C-alpha atoms as a PDB file:
ATOM      1  CA  MET A   1       0.000   0.000   0.000  1.00  0.00           C
ATOM      2  CA  ARG A   2       1.217   3.523  -0.835  1.00  0.00           C
ATOM      3  CA  ALA A   3       0.374   6.959   0.503  1.00  0.00           C
ATOM      4  CA  VAL A   4      -0.984   8.885  -2.496  1.00  0.00           C
ATOM      5  CA  VAL A   5      -0.398  12.650  -2.501  1.00  0.00           C
ATOM      6  CA  MET A   6      -1.892  13.484  -5.928  1.00  0.00           C
ATOM      7  CA  LYS A   7      -3.827  11.038  -8.126  1.00  0.00           C
ATOM      8  CA  GLY A   8      -3.954  11.312 -11.903  1.00  0.00           C
ATOM      9  CA  ASN A   9      -5.537   9.184 -14.620  1.00  0.00           C
ATOM     10  CA  ARG A  10      -2.485   7.016 -15.343  1.00  0.00           C
ATOM     11  CA  VAL A  11      -0.015   7.854 -12.578  1.00  0.00           C
ATOM     12  CA  SER A  12      -0.050   9.148  -9.033  1.00  0.00           C
ATOM     13  CA  LEU A  13       2.475  11.040  -6.968  1.00  0.00           C
ATOM     14  CA  CYS A  14       3.155   9.080  -3.817  1.00  0.00           C
ATOM     15  CA  VAL A  15       5.270   9.513  -0.717  1.00  0.00           C
ATOM     16  CA  LEU A  16       8.780   8.300  -1.479  1.00  0.00           C
ATOM     17  CA  THR A  17       9.663   5.164   0.482  1.00  0.00           C
ATOM     18  CA  LYS A  18      12.987   3.660   1.414  1.00  0.00           C
ATOM     19  CA  ASP A  19      12.179   0.723  -0.881  1.00  0.00           C
ATOM     20  CA  ASP A  20      11.757   3.159  -3.813  1.00  0.00           C
ATOM     21  CA  VAL A  21      15.296   4.431  -3.254  1.00  0.00           C
ATOM     22  CA  LYS A  22      16.802   1.061  -4.182  1.00  0.00           C
ATOM     23  CA  GLN A  23      15.053   1.012  -7.573  1.00  0.00           C
ATOM     24  CA  ALA A  24      15.802   4.697  -8.179  1.00  0.00           C
ATOM     25  CA  TRP A  25      19.475   4.018  -7.428  1.00  0.00           C
ATOM     26  CA  VAL A  26      19.540   1.447 -10.253  1.00  0.00           C
ATOM     27  CA  TRP A  27      17.961   3.957 -12.662  1.00  0.00           C
ATOM     28  CA  TRP A  28      20.271   6.811 -11.562  1.00  0.00           C
ATOM     29  CA  ASN A  29      23.215   4.676 -12.629  1.00  0.00           C
ATOM     30  CA  ASP A  30      21.669   3.698 -15.985  1.00  0.00           C
ATOM     31  CA  ARG A  31      23.547   5.717 -18.616  1.00  0.00           C
ATOM     32  CA  ARG A  32      20.350   6.163 -20.686  1.00  0.00           C
ATOM     33  CA  VAL A  33      18.695   7.906 -17.735  1.00  0.00           C
ATOM     34  CA  ARG A  34      21.824   9.678 -16.479  1.00  0.00           C
ATOM     35  CA  LYS A  35      22.621  11.200 -19.890  1.00  0.00           C
ATOM     36  CA  TYR A  36      20.144  14.069 -19.502  1.00  0.00           C
ATOM     37  CA  LEU A  37      20.386  14.585 -15.746  1.00  0.00           C
ATOM     38  CA  SER A  38      22.826  16.926 -14.062  1.00  0.00           C
ATOM     39  CA  SER A  39      26.342  15.500 -13.804  1.00  0.00           C
ATOM     40  CA  PRO A  40      25.838  12.718 -16.369  1.00  0.00           C
ATOM     41  CA  GLU A  41      29.323  11.339 -15.661  1.00  0.00           C
ATOM     42  CA  GLU A  42      28.588  10.551 -12.016  1.00  0.00           C
ATOM     43  CA  ILE A  43      28.083   7.134 -10.484  1.00  0.00           C
ATOM     44  CA  PHE A  44      26.137   6.722  -7.275  1.00  0.00           C
ATOM     45  CA  PHE A  45      26.533   4.298  -4.412  1.00  0.00           C
ATOM     46  CA  TYR A  46      23.490   2.844  -2.721  1.00  0.00           C
ATOM     47  CA  GLU A  47      24.651   3.977   0.716  1.00  0.00           C
ATOM     48  CA  GLU A  48      24.838   7.575  -0.559  1.00  0.00           C
ATOM     49  CA  GLU A  49      21.261   7.337  -1.770  1.00  0.00           C
ATOM     50  CA  LEU A  50      20.115   6.074   1.627  1.00  0.00           C
ATOM     51  CA  GLU A  51      21.866   9.059   3.232  1.00  0.00           C
ATOM     52  CA  TRP A  52      20.124  11.370   0.723  1.00  0.00           C
ATOM     53  CA  TYR A  53      16.781   9.789   1.654  1.00  0.00           C
ATOM     54  CA  GLU A  54      17.406  10.375   5.371  1.00  0.00           C
ATOM     55  CA  ARG A  55      18.354  14.027   4.724  1.00  0.00           C
ATOM     56  CA  LEU A  56      15.259  14.457   2.545  1.00  0.00           C
ATOM     57  CA  LYS A  57      13.008  13.269   5.364  1.00  0.00           C
ATOM     58  CA  LYS A  58      14.469  15.893   7.706  1.00  0.00           C
ATOM     59  CA  GLN A  59      14.444  18.958   5.423  1.00  0.00           C
ATOM     60  CA  LYS A  60      10.825  19.048   4.355  1.00  0.00           C
ATOM     61  CA  THR A  61      10.600  22.771   3.584  1.00  0.00           C
ATOM     62  CA  ARG A  62      13.257  23.047   0.843  1.00  0.00           C
ATOM     63  CA  GLU A  63      12.608  19.902  -1.163  1.00  0.00           C
ATOM     64  CA  LYS A  64       9.722  17.553  -1.951  1.00  0.00           C
ATOM     65  CA  VAL A  65      10.401  14.342  -3.860  1.00  0.00           C
ATOM     66  CA  PHE A  66       7.624  11.994  -4.905  1.00  0.00           C
ATOM     67  CA  SER A  67       7.477   8.508  -6.339  1.00  0.00           C
ATOM     68  CA  ILE A  68       5.694   8.353  -9.687  1.00  0.00           C
ATOM     69  CA  VAL A  69       3.530   5.244  -9.520  1.00  0.00           C
ATOM     70  CA  GLU A  70       1.529   3.700 -12.330  1.00  0.00           C
ATOM     71  CA  ASN A  71      -2.102   3.474 -11.196  1.00  0.00           C
ATOM     72  CA  THR A  72      -3.046   0.128 -12.749  1.00  0.00           C
ATOM     73  CA  SER A  73      -0.007  -1.903 -11.678  1.00  0.00           C
ATOM     74  CA  GLY A  74       1.031   0.084  -8.603  1.00  0.00           C
ATOM     75  CA  SER A  75       4.624  -0.069  -9.821  1.00  0.00           C
ATOM     76  CA  LEU A  76       7.217   2.645  -9.442  1.00  0.00           C
ATOM     77  CA  VAL A  77       8.003   4.254 -12.817  1.00  0.00           C
ATOM     78  CA  GLY A  78      10.127   7.242 -11.790  1.00  0.00           C
ATOM     79  CA  LEU A  79      10.657  10.147  -9.430  1.00  0.00           C
ATOM     80  CA  ILE A  80       9.713  13.815  -9.535  1.00  0.00           C
ATOM     81  CA  GLY A  81      10.846  16.567  -7.227  1.00  0.00           C
ATOM     82  CA  LEU A  82      10.361  20.177  -6.297  1.00  0.00           C
ATOM     83  CA  HIS A  83      13.838  21.395  -5.402  1.00  0.00           C
ATOM     84  CA  ARG A  84      15.237  24.597  -3.922  1.00  0.00           C
ATOM     85  CA  ILE A  85      11.765  25.578  -2.721  1.00  0.00           C
ATOM     86  CA  ASP A  86      11.868  29.271  -1.894  1.00  0.00           C
ATOM     87  CA  HIS A  87       8.713  30.243  -0.021  1.00  0.00           C
ATOM     88  CA  TYR A  88       9.818  33.865   0.399  1.00  0.00           C
ATOM     89  CA  ASN A  89      10.087  34.441  -3.370  1.00  0.00           C
ATOM     90  CA  GLY A  90       7.492  31.816  -4.258  1.00  0.00           C
ATOM     91  CA  HIS A  91       9.365  29.537  -6.637  1.00  0.00           C
ATOM     92  CA  ALA A  92      10.949  26.095  -6.976  1.00  0.00           C
ATOM     93  CA  GLU A  93      12.796  24.021  -9.529  1.00  0.00           C
ATOM     94  CA  ILE A  94      11.051  20.946 -10.882  1.00  0.00           C
ATOM     95  CA  GLY A  95      13.002  17.861 -11.938  1.00  0.00           C
ATOM     96  CA  TYR A  96      11.940  14.367 -12.933  1.00  0.00           C
ATOM     97  CA  PHE A  97      12.969  11.135 -14.577  1.00  0.00           C
ATOM     98  CA  LEU A  98      11.363   7.867 -15.596  1.00  0.00           C
ATOM     99  CA  SER A  99      12.786   4.418 -16.063  1.00  0.00           C
ATOM    100  CA  PRO A 100      13.510   3.764 -19.768  1.00  0.00           C
ATOM    101  CA  GLU A 101      10.798   1.098 -20.079  1.00  0.00           C
ATOM    102  CA  HIS A 102       8.204   3.763 -19.249  1.00  0.00           C
ATOM    103  CA  TRP A 103       9.355   6.443 -21.688  1.00  0.00           C
ATOM    104  CA  GLY A 104       6.893   7.644 -24.300  1.00  0.00           C
ATOM    105  CA  LYS A 105       3.716   6.683 -22.419  1.00  0.00           C
ATOM    106  CA  GLY A 106       2.702  10.149 -21.219  1.00  0.00           C
ATOM    107  CA  TYR A 107       3.614   9.405 -17.606  1.00  0.00           C
ATOM    108  CA  ALA A 108       6.093  12.284 -17.304  1.00  0.00           C
ATOM    109  CA  THR A 109       3.587  14.748 -18.756  1.00  0.00           C
ATOM    110  CA  GLU A 110       0.956  13.736 -16.218  1.00  0.00           C
ATOM    111  CA  ALA A 111       3.467  13.654 -13.338  1.00  0.00           C
ATOM    112  CA  VAL A 112       4.623  17.216 -14.132  1.00  0.00           C
ATOM    113  CA  ALA A 113       0.979  18.337 -14.249  1.00  0.00           C
ATOM    114  CA  LEU A 114       0.344  16.782 -10.827  1.00  0.00           C
ATOM    115  CA  ALA A 115       3.532  18.199  -9.284  1.00  0.00           C
ATOM    116  CA  SER A 116       2.682  21.645 -10.701  1.00  0.00           C
ATOM    117  CA  LYS A 117      -0.788  21.454  -9.194  1.00  0.00           C
ATOM    118  CA  TYR A 118       0.723  20.475  -5.851  1.00  0.00           C
ATOM    119  CA  ALA A 119       3.251  23.339  -6.009  1.00  0.00           C
ATOM    120  CA  PHE A 120       0.656  25.966  -6.870  1.00  0.00           C
ATOM    121  CA  SER A 121      -2.279  24.724  -4.771  1.00  0.00           C
ATOM    122  CA  TRP A 122      -0.624  23.235  -1.707  1.00  0.00           C
ATOM    123  CA  LEU A 123       2.669  25.133  -1.436  1.00  0.00           C
ATOM    124  CA  HIS A 124       1.198  28.377  -2.779  1.00  0.00           C
ATOM    125  CA  LEU A 125       4.195  28.949  -5.043  1.00  0.00           C
ATOM    126  CA  ARG A 126       3.841  31.445  -7.877  1.00  0.00           C
ATOM    127  CA  LYS A 127       6.416  29.974 -10.282  1.00  0.00           C
ATOM    128  CA  LEU A 128       8.134  26.732 -11.246  1.00  0.00           C
ATOM    129  CA  TYR A 129      11.241  26.487 -13.390  1.00  0.00           C
ATOM    130  CA  ALA A 130      13.214  23.682 -14.992  1.00  0.00           C
ATOM    131  CA  TRP A 131      16.596  23.294 -16.636  1.00  0.00           C
ATOM    132  CA  VAL A 132      16.758  20.997 -19.664  1.00  0.00           C
ATOM    133  CA  PHE A 133      19.432  20.193 -22.243  1.00  0.00           C
ATOM    134  CA  GLU A 134      18.473  21.364 -25.734  1.00  0.00           C
ATOM    135  CA  THR A 135      18.908  17.823 -27.088  1.00  0.00           C
ATOM    136  CA  ASN A 136      16.409  16.354 -24.604  1.00  0.00           C
ATOM    137  CA  ILE A 137      13.448  16.843 -26.932  1.00  0.00           C
ATOM    138  CA  ALA A 138      11.143  14.534 -24.948  1.00  0.00           C
ATOM    139  CA  SER A 139      11.577  16.556 -21.767  1.00  0.00           C
ATOM    140  CA  ILE A 140      11.102  19.834 -23.619  1.00  0.00           C
ATOM    141  CA  ARG A 141       7.781  18.495 -24.937  1.00  0.00           C
ATOM    142  CA  VAL A 142       6.711  17.461 -21.436  1.00  0.00           C
ATOM    143  CA  LEU A 143       7.381  20.958 -20.130  1.00  0.00           C
ATOM    144  CA  GLU A 144       5.694  22.719 -23.041  1.00  0.00           C
ATOM    145  CA  LYS A 145       2.593  20.497 -22.784  1.00  0.00           C
ATOM    146  CA  ASN A 146       2.373  21.654 -19.165  1.00  0.00           C
ATOM    147  CA  GLY A 147       2.460  25.355 -19.999  1.00  0.00           C
ATOM    148  CA  PHE A 148       6.159  25.980 -19.369  1.00  0.00           C
ATOM    149  CA  ARG A 149       7.752  28.584 -21.650  1.00  0.00           C
ATOM    150  CA  LEU A 150      11.357  29.083 -22.669  1.00  0.00           C
ATOM    151  CA  ALA A 151      12.822  31.817 -20.467  1.00  0.00           C
ATOM    152  CA  GLY A 152      16.540  31.639 -21.170  1.00  0.00           C
ATOM    153  CA  ARG A 153      19.482  29.795 -22.657  1.00  0.00           C
ATOM    154  CA  LEU A 154      23.029  29.087 -21.552  1.00  0.00           C
ATOM    155  CA  HIS A 155      24.975  28.542 -24.786  1.00  0.00           C
ATOM    156  CA  ARG A 156      27.238  25.500 -25.120  1.00  0.00           C
ATOM    157  CA  HIS A 157      27.079  25.109 -21.367  1.00  0.00           C
ATOM    158  CA  GLN A 158      26.891  21.388 -20.586  1.00  0.00           C
ATOM    159  CA  TYR A 159      28.770  18.396 -21.939  1.00  0.00           C
ATOM    160  CA  VAL A 160      26.436  15.541 -22.824  1.00  0.00           C
ATOM    161  CA  PRO A 161      28.131  12.228 -23.655  1.00  0.00           C
ATOM    162  CA  GLY A 162      27.798  11.442 -27.351  1.00  0.00           C
ATOM    163  CA  GLU A 163      26.496  14.942 -28.120  1.00  0.00           C
ATOM    164  CA  GLY A 164      29.254  17.292 -26.980  1.00  0.00           C
ATOM    165  CA  LEU A 165      28.582  20.723 -25.534  1.00  0.00           C
ATOM    166  CA  VAL A 166      24.903  21.624 -25.697  1.00  0.00           C
ATOM    167  CA  ASP A 167      22.807  24.614 -24.693  1.00  0.00           C
ATOM    168  CA  VAL A 168      20.998  24.438 -21.373  1.00  0.00           C
ATOM    169  CA  LEU A 169      17.487  25.839 -21.580  1.00  0.00           C
ATOM    170  CA  MET A 170      15.552  27.327 -18.706  1.00  0.00           C
ATOM    171  CA  TYR A 171      11.788  26.922 -18.795  1.00  0.00           C
ATOM    172  CA  GLU A 172       9.323  28.550 -16.423  1.00  0.00           C
ATOM    173  CA  ARG A 173       5.644  28.425 -15.615  1.00  0.00           C
ATOM    174  CA  PHE A 174       3.641  30.823 -13.517  1.00  0.00           C
ATOM    175  CA  ARG A 175       0.621  29.948 -11.410  1.00  0.00           C
ATOM    176  CA  GLY A 176      -2.725  30.862 -12.911  1.00  0.00           C
END
């Protein structure tokens, strides 16, 4: 049984559990997933991820991370987070990833919609923003389908394995 925070048609955002961390750790080290996340060259140790989980439980005001769970099977398909939550200025960064076997099914689009609703309705934030590599077309589509608009560009800013230096795009969405 899972604690559901926001329920959608195909996926729900659930409270992250310690058991979810083990599966996420496997995905974080998958080069297909890691390629478009920050620090694509990094490898992660399971013990480090358990430490991250314990820190996350203690610092509830600056970061919210949810499990993305498929409604029909109840299986974990990815994670989504609101990071660097700034209540004073009313904004946060949104970040997400799915396991490769769940790409292209619309799960990320729905998860971003749910996390946005949570951020605007429950945290009373006024803006969300996301950083995405220009070559990550799927993620750009997810953001744009959710009303995010291109706000800026860092030219030839990030090295992506197999693609070289790429632009990093900043997308934003305002409440309302």
